[in-house]
PDB file of N, CA and C in Angstrom:
ATOM      1  N   UNK A   1      59.427 -32.013  67.818  1.00  0.00           N
ATOM      2  CA  UNK A   1      58.350 -32.175  67.246  1.00  0.00           C
ATOM      3  C   UNK A   1      57.204 -30.894  67.520  1.00  0.00           C
ATOM      4  N   UNK A   2      57.046 -30.841  68.686  1.00  0.00           N
ATOM      5  CA  UNK A   2      56.204 -29.621  69.276  1.00  0.00           C
ATOM      6  C   UNK A   2      56.609 -28.430  69.106  1.00  0.00           C
ATOM      7  N   UNK A   3      57.950 -28.508  69.285  1.00  0.00           N
ATOM      8  CA  UNK A   3      58.848 -26.942  69.168  1.00  0.00           C
ATOM      9  C   UNK A   3      58.595 -26.653  67.779  1.00  0.00           C
ATOM     10  N   UNK A   4      58.450 -27.588  66.618  1.00  0.00           N
ATOM     11  CA  UNK A   4      58.076 -27.435  65.275  1.00  0.00           C
ATOM     12  C   UNK A   4      56.539 -26.920  64.764  1.00  0.00           C
ATOM     13  N   UNK A   5      55.984 -27.335  65.460  1.00  0.00           N
ATOM     14  CA  UNK A   5      54.626 -26.971  65.484  1.00  0.00           C
ATOM     15  C   UNK A   5      54.322 -25.924  66.149  1.00  0.00           C
ATOM     16  N   UNK A   6      54.752 -25.395  67.096  1.00  0.00           N
ATOM     17  CA  UNK A   6      54.852 -23.534  67.935  1.00  0.00           C
ATOM     18  C   UNK A   6      55.181 -23.091  66.985  1.00  0.00           C
ATOM     19  N   UNK A   7      56.470 -23.395  66.444  1.00  0.00           N
ATOM     20  CA  UNK A   7      57.148 -22.367  65.295  1.00  0.00           C
ATOM     21  C   UNK A   7      56.177 -21.830  63.821  1.00  0.00           C
ATOM     22  N   UNK A   8      55.719 -23.182  63.640  1.00  0.00           N
ATOM     23  CA  UNK A   8      54.758 -22.911  62.627  1.00  0.00           C
ATOM     24  C   UNK A   8      53.495 -22.182  62.839  1.00  0.00           C
ATOM     25  N   UNK A   9      53.142 -22.439  64.048  1.00  0.00           N
ATOM     26  CA  UNK A   9      51.829 -21.910  64.427  1.00  0.00           C
ATOM     27  C   UNK A   9      52.203 -20.101  64.458  1.00  0.00           C
ATOM     28  N   UNK A  10      53.160 -19.760  65.024  1.00  0.00           N
ATOM     29  CA  UNK A  10      53.579 -18.517  65.239  1.00  0.00           C
ATOM     30  C   UNK A  10      53.805 -18.016  64.221  1.00  0.00           C
ATOM     31  N   UNK A  11      54.694 -18.679  63.132  1.00  0.00           N
ATOM     32  CA  UNK A  11      54.551 -17.800  61.781  1.00  0.00           C
ATOM     33  C   UNK A  11      53.312 -17.832  61.016  1.00  0.00           C
ATOM     34  N   UNK A  12      52.332 -18.562  61.146  1.00  0.00           N
ATOM     35  CA  UNK A  12      51.297 -18.456  60.604  1.00  0.00           C
ATOM     36  C   UNK A  12      50.264 -17.372  61.283  1.00  0.00           C
ATOM     37  N   UNK A  13      50.510 -17.256  62.646  1.00  0.00           N
ATOM     38  CA  UNK A  13      49.878 -15.946  63.294  1.00  0.00           C
ATOM     39  C   UNK A  13      50.386 -14.409  62.801  1.00  0.00           C
ATOM     40  N   UNK A  14      51.957 -14.683  62.611  1.00  0.00           N
ATOM     41  CA  UNK A  14      52.456 -13.400  61.954  1.00  0.00           C
ATOM     42  C   UNK A  14      51.999 -12.975  60.662  1.00  0.00           C
ATOM     43  N   UNK A  15      51.810 -13.988  59.801  1.00  0.00           N
ATOM     44  CA  UNK A  15      51.172 -13.816  58.612  1.00  0.00           C
ATOM     45  C   UNK A  15      50.019 -13.302  58.646  1.00  0.00           C
ATOM     46  N   UNK A  16      49.118 -13.757  59.575  1.00  0.00           N
ATOM     47  CA  UNK A  16      47.779 -13.426  59.404  1.00  0.00           C
ATOM     48  C   UNK A  16      47.547 -11.915  60.032  1.00  0.00           C
ATOM     49  N   UNK A  17      48.398 -11.563  61.027  1.00  0.00           N
ATOM     50  CA  UNK A  17      48.778 -10.195  61.455  1.00  0.00           C
ATOM     51  C   UNK A  17      49.130  -9.112  60.363  1.00  0.00           C
ATOM     52  N   UNK A  18      50.072  -9.755  59.781  1.00  0.00           N
ATOM     53  CA  UNK A  18      50.669  -8.666  58.430  1.00  0.00           C
ATOM     54  C   UNK A  18      49.269  -8.838  57.362  1.00  0.00           C
ATOM     55  N   UNK A  19      48.715  -9.531  57.125  1.00  0.00           N
ATOM     56  CA  UNK A  19      47.785  -9.538  56.228  1.00  0.00           C
ATOM     57  C   UNK A  19      46.776  -8.651  56.425  1.00  0.00           C
ATOM     58  N   UNK A  20      46.093  -8.805  57.600  1.00  0.00           N
ATOM     59  CA  UNK A  20      45.178  -7.747  58.459  1.00  0.00           C
ATOM     60  C   UNK A  20      45.640  -6.713  58.398  1.00  0.00           C
ATOM     61  N   UNK A  21      46.918  -6.500  58.571  1.00  0.00           N
ATOM     62  CA  UNK A  21      47.468  -4.790  58.684  1.00  0.00           C
ATOM     63  C   UNK A  21      47.413  -4.350  57.431  1.00  0.00           C
ATOM     64  N   UNK A  22      47.723  -5.188  56.316  1.00  0.00           N
ATOM     65  CA  UNK A  22      47.735  -4.684  54.951  1.00  0.00           C
ATOM     66  C   UNK A  22      46.256  -4.374  54.423  1.00  0.00           C
ATOM     67  N   UNK A  23      45.356  -5.279  54.840  1.00  0.00           N
ATOM     68  CA  UNK A  23      43.953  -5.071  54.436  1.00  0.00           C
ATOM     69  C   UNK A  23      43.554  -3.641  55.079  1.00  0.00           C
ATOM     70  N   UNK A  24      43.857  -3.131  56.220  1.00  0.00           N
ATOM     71  CA  UNK A  24      43.521  -2.213  57.039  1.00  0.00           C
ATOM     72  C   UNK A  24      43.958  -0.814  55.998  1.00  0.00           C
ATOM     73  N   UNK A  25      45.131  -0.935  55.859  1.00  0.00           N
ATOM     74  CA  UNK A  25      45.879  -0.107  55.027  1.00  0.00           C
ATOM     75  C   UNK A  25      45.303   0.331  53.703  1.00  0.00           C
ATOM     76  N   UNK A  26      45.224  -0.984  53.131  1.00  0.00           N
ATOM     77  CA  UNK A  26      44.324  -0.614  51.719  1.00  0.00           C
ATOM     78  C   UNK A  26      43.018   0.094  51.948  1.00  0.00           C
ATOM     79  N   UNK A  27      42.276  -0.349  52.824  1.00  0.00           N
ATOM     80  CA  UNK A  27      40.637   0.231  53.500  1.00  0.00           C
ATOM     81  C   UNK A  27      40.837   1.631  53.962  1.00  0.00           C
ATOM     82  N   UNK A  28      42.308   2.088  54.349  1.00  0.00           N
ATOM     83  CA  UNK A  28      42.746   3.451  54.679  1.00  0.00           C
ATOM     84  C   UNK A  28      42.875   4.429  53.227  1.00  0.00           C
ATOM     85  N   UNK A  29      43.694   3.531  52.542  1.00  0.00           N
ATOM     86  CA  UNK A  29      44.049   4.040  51.193  1.00  0.00           C
ATOM     87  C   UNK A  29      42.430   4.383  50.456  1.00  0.00           C
ATOM     88  N   UNK A  30      41.562   3.761  50.196  1.00  0.00           N
ATOM     89  CA  UNK A  30      40.473   3.505  49.301  1.00  0.00           C
ATOM     90  C   UNK A  30      39.736   4.329  49.911  1.00  0.00           C
ATOM     91  N   UNK A  31      39.271   4.750  51.045  1.00  0.00           N
ATOM     92  CA  UNK A  31      38.415   5.608  51.835  1.00  0.00           C
ATOM     93  C   UNK A  31      38.571   7.059  51.687  1.00  0.00           C
ATOM     94  N   UNK A  32      40.308   7.587  51.543  1.00  0.00           N
ATOM     95  CA  UNK A  32      41.039   8.494  51.389  1.00  0.00           C
ATOM     96  C   UNK A  32      40.928   8.959  49.935  1.00  0.00           C
ATOM     97  N   UNK A  33      40.984   8.103  48.949  1.00  0.00           N
ATOM     98  CA  UNK A  33      40.453   8.348  47.667  1.00  0.00           C
ATOM     99  C   UNK A  33      39.246   8.716  47.338  1.00  0.00           C
ATOM    100  N   UNK A  34      38.484   7.773  48.139  1.00  0.00           N
ATOM    101  CA  UNK A  34      36.902   8.313  47.926  1.00  0.00           C
ATOM    102  C   UNK A  34      36.572   9.544  48.668  1.00  0.00           C
ATOM    103  N   UNK A  35      37.431  10.007  49.580  1.00  0.00           N
ATOM    104  CA  UNK A  35      36.638  10.879  50.278  1.00  0.00           C
ATOM    105  C   UNK A  35      37.353  12.256  49.274  1.00  0.00           C
ATOM    106  N   UNK A  36      38.358  12.021  48.713  1.00  0.00           N
ATOM    107  CA  UNK A  36      39.049  12.880  47.677  1.00  0.00           C
ATOM    108  C   UNK A  36      37.996  13.716  46.558  1.00  0.00           C
ATOM    109  N   UNK A  37      37.501  12.442  46.097  1.00  0.00           N
ATOM    110  CA  UNK A  37      36.002  12.328  44.934  1.00  0.00           C
ATOM    111  C   UNK A  37      35.385  12.832  45.511  1.00  0.00           C
ATOM    112  N   UNK A  38      34.744  12.429  46.573  1.00  0.00           N
ATOM    113  CA  UNK A  38      33.461  13.226  47.091  1.00  0.00           C
ATOM    114  C   UNK A  38      33.800  14.709  47.154  1.00  0.00           C
ATOM    115  N   UNK A  39      34.463  15.193  47.700  1.00  0.00           N
ATOM    116  CA  UNK A  39      35.115  16.927  47.929  1.00  0.00           C
ATOM    117  C   UNK A  39      34.894  17.461  46.534  1.00  0.00           C
ATOM    118  N   UNK A  40      35.204  16.760  45.265  1.00  0.00           N
ATOM    119  CA  UNK A  40      35.438  16.944  44.194  1.00  0.00           C
ATOM    120  C   UNK A  40      34.046  17.207  43.605  1.00  0.00           C
ATOM    121  N   UNK A  41      33.116  16.099  43.906  1.00  0.00           N
ATOM    122  CA  UNK A  41      31.758  16.222  43.787  1.00  0.00           C
ATOM    123  C   UNK A  41      30.903  17.098  44.423  1.00  0.00           C
ATOM    124  N   UNK A  42      31.390  17.476  45.605  1.00  0.00           N
ATOM    125  CA  UNK A  42      30.711  18.266  46.462  1.00  0.00           C
ATOM    126  C   UNK A  42      30.972  20.187  45.771  1.00  0.00           C
ATOM    127  N   UNK A  43      32.146  20.078  45.555  1.00  0.00           N
ATOM    128  CA  UNK A  43      32.827  21.653  44.947  1.00  0.00           C
ATOM    129  C   UNK A  43      31.729  21.396  43.442  1.00  0.00           C
ATOM    130  N   UNK A  44      31.763  20.409  42.479  1.00  0.00           N
ATOM    131  CA  UNK A  44      30.668  20.509  41.405  1.00  0.00           C
ATOM    132  C   UNK A  44      29.793  21.074  41.580  1.00  0.00           C
ATOM    133  N   UNK A  45      28.833  20.299  42.540  1.00  0.00           N
ATOM    134  CA  UNK A  45      27.561  20.376  42.725  1.00  0.00           C
ATOM    135  C   UNK A  45      27.259  21.650  43.210  1.00  0.00           C
ATOM    136  N   UNK A  46      28.168  22.485  44.139  1.00  0.00           N
ATOM    137  CA  UNK A  46      27.748  23.693  44.908  1.00  0.00           C
ATOM    138  C   UNK A  46      27.881  24.518  43.759  1.00  0.00           C
ATOM    139  N   UNK A  47      28.973  24.527  42.620  1.00  0.00           N
ATOM    140  CA  UNK A  47      28.997  25.533  41.749  1.00  0.00           C
ATOM    141  C   UNK A  47      27.693  25.319  40.868  1.00  0.00           C
ATOM    142  N   UNK A  48      27.264  24.284  40.531  1.00  0.00           N
ATOM    143  CA  UNK A  48      26.149  23.823  39.606  1.00  0.00           C
ATOM    144  C   UNK A  48      24.391  24.012  40.358  1.00  0.00           C
ATOM    145  N   UNK A  49      24.577  24.408  41.597  1.00  0.00           N
ATOM    146  CA  UNK A  49      23.263  24.282  42.370  1.00  0.00           C
ATOM    147  C   UNK A  49      22.564  25.587  41.974  1.00  0.00           C
ATOM    148  N   UNK A  50      21.372  25.747  41.472  1.00  0.00           N
ATOM    149  CA  UNK A  50      20.969  27.079  40.999  1.00  0.00           C
ATOM    150  C   UNK A  50      20.304  28.088  42.353  1.00  0.00           C
ATOM    151  N   UNK A  51      19.460  26.534  43.057  1.00  0.00           N
ATOM    152  CA  UNK A  51      19.158  27.649  44.308  1.00  0.00           C
ATOM    153  C   UNK A  51      19.801  26.916  45.733  1.00  0.00           C
ATOM    154  N   UNK A  52      19.656  27.717  46.821  1.00  0.00           N
ATOM    155  CA  UNK A  52      20.232  27.340  47.892  1.00  0.00           C
ATOM    156  C   UNK A  52      19.348  25.851  48.610  1.00  0.00           C
ATOM    157  N   UNK A  53      17.906  25.660  48.425  1.00  0.00           N
ATOM    158  CA  UNK A  53      17.024  24.735  48.530  1.00  0.00           C
ATOM    159  C   UNK A  53      17.906  23.616  48.055  1.00  0.00           C
ATOM    160  N   UNK A  54      18.246  23.365  46.642  1.00  0.00           N
ATOM    161  CA  UNK A  54      18.847  22.393  45.393  1.00  0.00           C
ATOM    162  C   UNK A  54      20.217  22.040  46.220  1.00  0.00           C
ATOM    163  N   UNK A  55      20.925  23.099  46.763  1.00  0.00           N
ATOM    164  CA  UNK A  55      22.214  22.648  47.346  1.00  0.00           C
ATOM    165  C   UNK A  55      22.163  21.960  48.903  1.00  0.00           C
ATOM    166  N   UNK A  56      21.423  22.622  49.471  1.00  0.00           N
ATOM    167  CA  UNK A  56      20.749  21.705  50.438  1.00  0.00           C
ATOM    168  C   UNK A  56      20.469  20.121  50.624  1.00  0.00           C
ATOM    169  N   UNK A  57      19.681  20.077  49.434  1.00  0.00           N
ATOM    170  CA  UNK A  57      19.153  18.669  49.435  1.00  0.00           C
ATOM    171  C   UNK A  57      20.480  17.695  48.909  1.00  0.00           C
ATOM    172  N   UNK A  58      21.376  18.569  47.916  1.00  0.00           N
ATOM    173  CA  UNK A  58      22.178  17.481  47.314  1.00  0.00           C
ATOM    174  C   UNK A  58      23.127  17.662  48.584  1.00  0.00           C
ATOM    175  N   UNK A  59      23.354  18.295  49.405  1.00  0.00           N
ATOM    176  CA  UNK A  59      24.542  18.063  50.771  1.00  0.00           C
ATOM    177  C   UNK A  59      23.981  17.348  51.519  1.00  0.00           C
ATOM    178  N   UNK A  60      22.468  17.271  51.996  1.00  0.00           N
ATOM    179  CA  UNK A  60      22.147  16.230  52.722  1.00  0.00           C
ATOM    180  C   UNK A  60      22.453  14.724  51.986  1.00  0.00           C
ATOM    181  N   UNK A  61      22.009  14.887  50.998  1.00  0.00           N
ATOM    182  CA  UNK A  61      22.065  13.237  50.403  1.00  0.00           C
ATOM    183  C   UNK A  61      23.526  13.038  50.188  1.00  0.00           C
ATOM    184  N   UNK A  62      24.588  13.439  50.013  1.00  0.00           N
ATOM    185  CA  UNK A  62      25.957  13.308  50.243  1.00  0.00           C
ATOM    186  C   UNK A  62      26.573  12.805  51.882  1.00  0.00           C
ATOM    187  N   UNK A  63      25.852  13.823  52.338  1.00  0.00           N
ATOM    188  CA  UNK A  63      25.934  13.182  54.037  1.00  0.00           C
ATOM    189  C   UNK A  63      25.268  11.999  54.388  1.00  0.00           C
ATOM    190  N   UNK A  64      24.248  11.641  54.311  1.00  0.00           N
ATOM    191  CA  UNK A  64      23.803  10.921  54.259  1.00  0.00           C
ATOM    192  C   UNK A  64      24.539   9.172  53.612  1.00  0.00           C
ATOM    193  N   UNK A  65      24.603   9.361  52.440  1.00  0.00           N
ATOM    194  CA  UNK A  65      25.668   8.496  51.490  1.00  0.00           C
ATOM    195  C   UNK A  65      27.174   8.401  52.375  1.00  0.00           C
ATOM    196  N   UNK A  66      27.666   9.289  52.716  1.00  0.00           N
ATOM    197  CA  UNK A  66      28.872   9.336  53.723  1.00  0.00           C
ATOM    198  C   UNK A  66      28.636   8.644  55.094  1.00  0.00           C
ATOM    199  N   UNK A  67      27.382   8.835  55.676  1.00  0.00           N
ATOM    200  CA  UNK A  67      27.042   8.130  56.964  1.00  0.00           C
ATOM    201  C   UNK A  67      26.970   6.662  56.650  1.00  0.00           C
ATOM    202  N   UNK A  68      26.699   6.462  55.481  1.00  0.00           N
ATOM    203  CA  UNK A  68      25.719   4.772  55.445  1.00  0.00           C
ATOM    204  C   UNK A  68      27.519   4.123  55.217  1.00  0.00           C
ATOM    205  N   UNK A  69      28.278   4.599  54.303  1.00  0.00           N
ATOM    206  CA  UNK A  69      29.627   3.936  54.168  1.00  0.00           C
ATOM    207  C   UNK A  69      30.651   3.868  55.035  1.00  0.00           C
ATOM    208  N   UNK A  70      30.468   5.222  56.173  1.00  0.00           N
ATOM    209  CA  UNK A  70      31.282   4.975  56.993  1.00  0.00           C
ATOM    210  C   UNK A  70      30.989   3.649  58.244  1.00  0.00           C
ATOM    211  N   UNK A  71      29.444   3.514  58.343  1.00  0.00           N
ATOM    212  CA  UNK A  71      29.033   2.406  59.178  1.00  0.00           C
ATOM    213  C   UNK A  71      29.395   1.235  58.362  1.00  0.00           C
ATOM    214  N   UNK A  72      29.440   0.968  57.180  1.00  0.00           N
ATOM    215  CA  UNK A  72      29.837  -0.193  56.532  1.00  0.00           C
ATOM    216  C   UNK A  72      31.408  -0.463  56.720  1.00  0.00           C
ATOM    217  N   UNK A  73      32.104   0.661  56.836  1.00  0.00           N
ATOM    218  CA  UNK A  73      33.534   0.367  56.805  1.00  0.00           C
ATOM    219  C   UNK A  73      33.606   0.319  58.717  1.00  0.00           C
ATOM    220  N   UNK A  74      33.277   0.696  59.304  1.00  0.00           N
ATOM    221  CA  UNK A  74      33.307   0.680  60.872  1.00  0.00           C
ATOM    222  C   UNK A  74      32.797  -1.338  60.932  1.00  0.00           C
ATOM    223  N   UNK A  75      31.922  -1.509  60.477  1.00  0.00           N
ATOM    224  CA  UNK A  75      31.446  -2.894  60.561  1.00  0.00           C
ATOM    225  C   UNK A  75      32.332  -4.006  59.975  1.00  0.00           C
ATOM    226  N   UNK A  76      33.057  -3.513  58.706  1.00  0.00           N
ATOM    227  CA  UNK A  76      34.355  -4.393  58.548  1.00  0.00           C
ATOM    228  C   UNK A  76      35.732  -4.463  59.649  1.00  0.00           C
ATOM    229  N   UNK A  77      35.841  -3.137  59.728  1.00  0.00           N
ATOM    230  CA  UNK A  77      36.809  -3.171  60.858  1.00  0.00           C
ATOM    231  C   UNK A  77      36.513  -4.089  62.284  1.00  0.00           C
ATOM    232  N   UNK A  78      35.413  -3.643  62.767  1.00  0.00           N
ATOM    233  CA  UNK A  78      34.993  -4.561  63.688  1.00  0.00           C
ATOM    234  C   UNK A  78      35.131  -6.163  63.466  1.00  0.00           C
ATOM    235  N   UNK A  79      34.755  -6.632  61.939  1.00  0.00           N
ATOM    236  CA  UNK A  79      34.922  -8.026  61.730  1.00  0.00           C
ATOM    237  C   UNK A  79      36.227  -8.227  61.952  1.00  0.00           C
ATOM    238  N   UNK A  80      36.930  -7.661  61.288  1.00  0.00           N
ATOM    239  CA  UNK A  80      38.492  -8.061  61.311  1.00  0.00           C
ATOM    240  C   UNK A  80      39.245  -8.144  62.517  1.00  0.00           C
ATOM    241  N   UNK A  81      38.426  -6.926  63.503  1.00  0.00           N
ATOM    242  CA  UNK A  81      39.156  -6.909  65.012  1.00  0.00           C
ATOM    243  C   UNK A  81      38.882  -8.519  65.493  1.00  0.00           C
ATOM    244  N   UNK A  82      37.603  -8.799  65.158  1.00  0.00           N
ATOM    245  CA  UNK A  82      37.072 -10.154  65.791  1.00  0.00           C
ATOM    246  C   UNK A  82      37.744 -11.008  65.626  1.00  0.00           C
ATOM    247  N   UNK A  83      38.188 -11.536  64.003  1.00  0.00           N
ATOM    248  CA  UNK A  83      38.673 -12.321  63.666  1.00  0.00           C
ATOM    249  C   UNK A  83      40.413 -12.305  64.164  1.00  0.00           C
ATOM    250  N   UNK A  84      40.712 -10.930  64.259  1.00  0.00           N
ATOM    251  CA  UNK A  84      42.192 -11.334  64.932  1.00  0.00           C
ATOM    252  C   UNK A  84      42.172 -11.718  66.380  1.00  0.00           C
ATOM    253  N   UNK A  85      41.478 -11.277  67.041  1.00  0.00           N
ATOM    254  CA  UNK A  85      41.093 -11.609  68.459  1.00  0.00           C
ATOM    255  C   UNK A  85      40.723 -13.122  68.592  1.00  0.00           C
ATOM    256  N   UNK A  86      40.058 -13.755  67.890  1.00  0.00           N
ATOM    257  CA  UNK A  86      39.790 -15.163  68.038  1.00  0.00           C
ATOM    258  C   UNK A  86      41.059 -16.229  67.703  1.00  0.00           C
ATOM    259  N   UNK A  87      41.911 -15.287  66.365  1.00  0.00           N
ATOM    260  CA  UNK A  87      42.937 -16.073  66.338  1.00  0.00           C
ATOM    261  C   UNK A  87      44.029 -16.060  67.164  1.00  0.00           C
ATOM    262  N   UNK A  88      44.076 -14.956  68.195  1.00  0.00           N
ATOM    263  CA  UNK A  88      45.147 -14.584  69.010  1.00  0.00           C
ATOM    264  C   UNK A  88      44.730 -15.201  70.340  1.00  0.00           C
ATOM    265  N   UNK A  89      43.354 -15.095  70.549  1.00  0.00           N
ATOM    266  CA  UNK A  89      42.969 -16.334  71.682  1.00  0.00           C
ATOM    267  C   UNK A  89      42.992 -17.698  71.252  1.00  0.00           C
ATOM    268  N   UNK A  90      43.065 -18.358  70.020  1.00  0.00           N
ATOM    269  CA  UNK A  90      43.266 -19.709  69.921  1.00  0.00           C
ATOM    270  C   UNK A  90      44.936 -20.025  69.942  1.00  0.00           C
ATOM    271  N   UNK A  91      45.444 -18.840  69.169  1.00  0.00           N
ATOM    272  CA  UNK A  91      47.100 -19.203  69.536  1.00  0.00           C
ATOM    273  C   UNK A  91      47.458 -19.328  71.025  1.00  0.00           C
ATOM    274  N   UNK A  92      46.883 -18.355  71.966  1.00  0.00           N
ATOM    275  CA  UNK A  92      47.424 -18.171  73.168  1.00  0.00           C
ATOM    276  C   UNK A  92      47.128 -19.549  73.998  1.00  0.00           C
ATOM    277  N   UNK A  93      45.572 -20.117  73.921  1.00  0.00           N
ATOM    278  CA  UNK A  93      44.911 -21.159  74.437  1.00  0.00           C
ATOM    279  C   UNK A  93      45.805 -22.185  73.967  1.00  0.00           C
ATOM    280  N   UNK A  94      46.733 -22.229  73.147  1.00  0.00           N
ATOM    281  CA  UNK A  94      47.720 -23.566  72.462  1.00  0.00           C
ATOM    282  C   UNK A  94      48.770 -22.977  73.082  1.00  0.00           C
ATOM    283  N   UNK A  95      49.147 -22.112  73.999  1.00  0.00           N
ATOM    284  CA  UNK A  95      50.328 -22.060  74.419  1.00  0.00           C
ATOM    285  C   UNK A  95      51.453 -21.003  73.458  1.00  0.00           C
ATOM    286  N   UNK A  96      51.232 -20.822  72.594  1.00  0.00           N
ATOM    287  CA  UNK A  96      51.803 -19.589  71.477  1.00  0.00           C
ATOM    288  C   UNK A  96      51.630 -18.216  71.759  1.00  0.00           C
ATOM    289  N   UNK A  97      53.013 -17.580  71.978  1.00  0.00           N
ATOM    290  CA  UNK A  97      53.089 -16.507  72.326  1.00  0.00           C
ATOM    291  C   UNK A  97      53.275 -15.683  70.892  1.00  0.00           C
ATOM    292  N   UNK A  98      52.330 -14.794  70.689  1.00  0.00           N
ATOM    293  CA  UNK A  98      52.338 -13.781  69.255  1.00  0.00           C
ATOM    294  C   UNK A  98      53.654 -13.339  69.454  1.00  0.00           C
ATOM    295  N   UNK A  99      54.472 -13.498  67.878  1.00  0.00           N
ATOM    296  CA  UNK A  99      55.745 -12.971  67.719  1.00  0.00           C
ATOM    297  C   UNK A  99      55.657 -11.911  66.513  1.00  0.00           C
ATOM    298  N   UNK A 100      56.264 -10.879  66.989  1.00  0.00           N
ATOM    299  CA  UNK A 100      56.122  -9.892  65.943  1.00  0.00           C
ATOM    300  C   UNK A 100      54.915  -9.040  66.260  1.00  0.00           C
ATOM    301  N   UNK A 101      54.415  -8.755  67.032  1.00  0.00           N
ATOM    302  CA  UNK A 101      53.401  -8.280  67.688  1.00  0.00           C
ATOM    303  C   UNK A 101      53.534  -6.788  68.286  1.00  0.00           C
ATOM    304  N   UNK A 102      52.951  -5.690  67.762  1.00  0.00           N
ATOM    305  CA  UNK A 102      53.286  -4.576  68.314  1.00  0.00           C
ATOM    306  C   UNK A 102      52.819  -4.466  69.723  1.00  0.00           C
TER     307      UNK A 102
END
């Protein structure tokens, strides 16, 4: 009975780990797509900018938006890492060794 519980918890740990990895990969893909779109936006604005000051204002606005988005993504990543660590610690405190962990 205990062995079955351990196996079930190991299976759950593996599923949570895989889910978190998939979420991280989705975020990476999303960020890359957004970055590509922003590059195109920057190019378009640069071509349409009538003055150097106008271009500088536009550039500063884009930099600020990017910094805010990066901060949000870092927070999401930190929260995911915390959840993984909590789950791992809970599993280890119950004598469960992480299976399939790199």
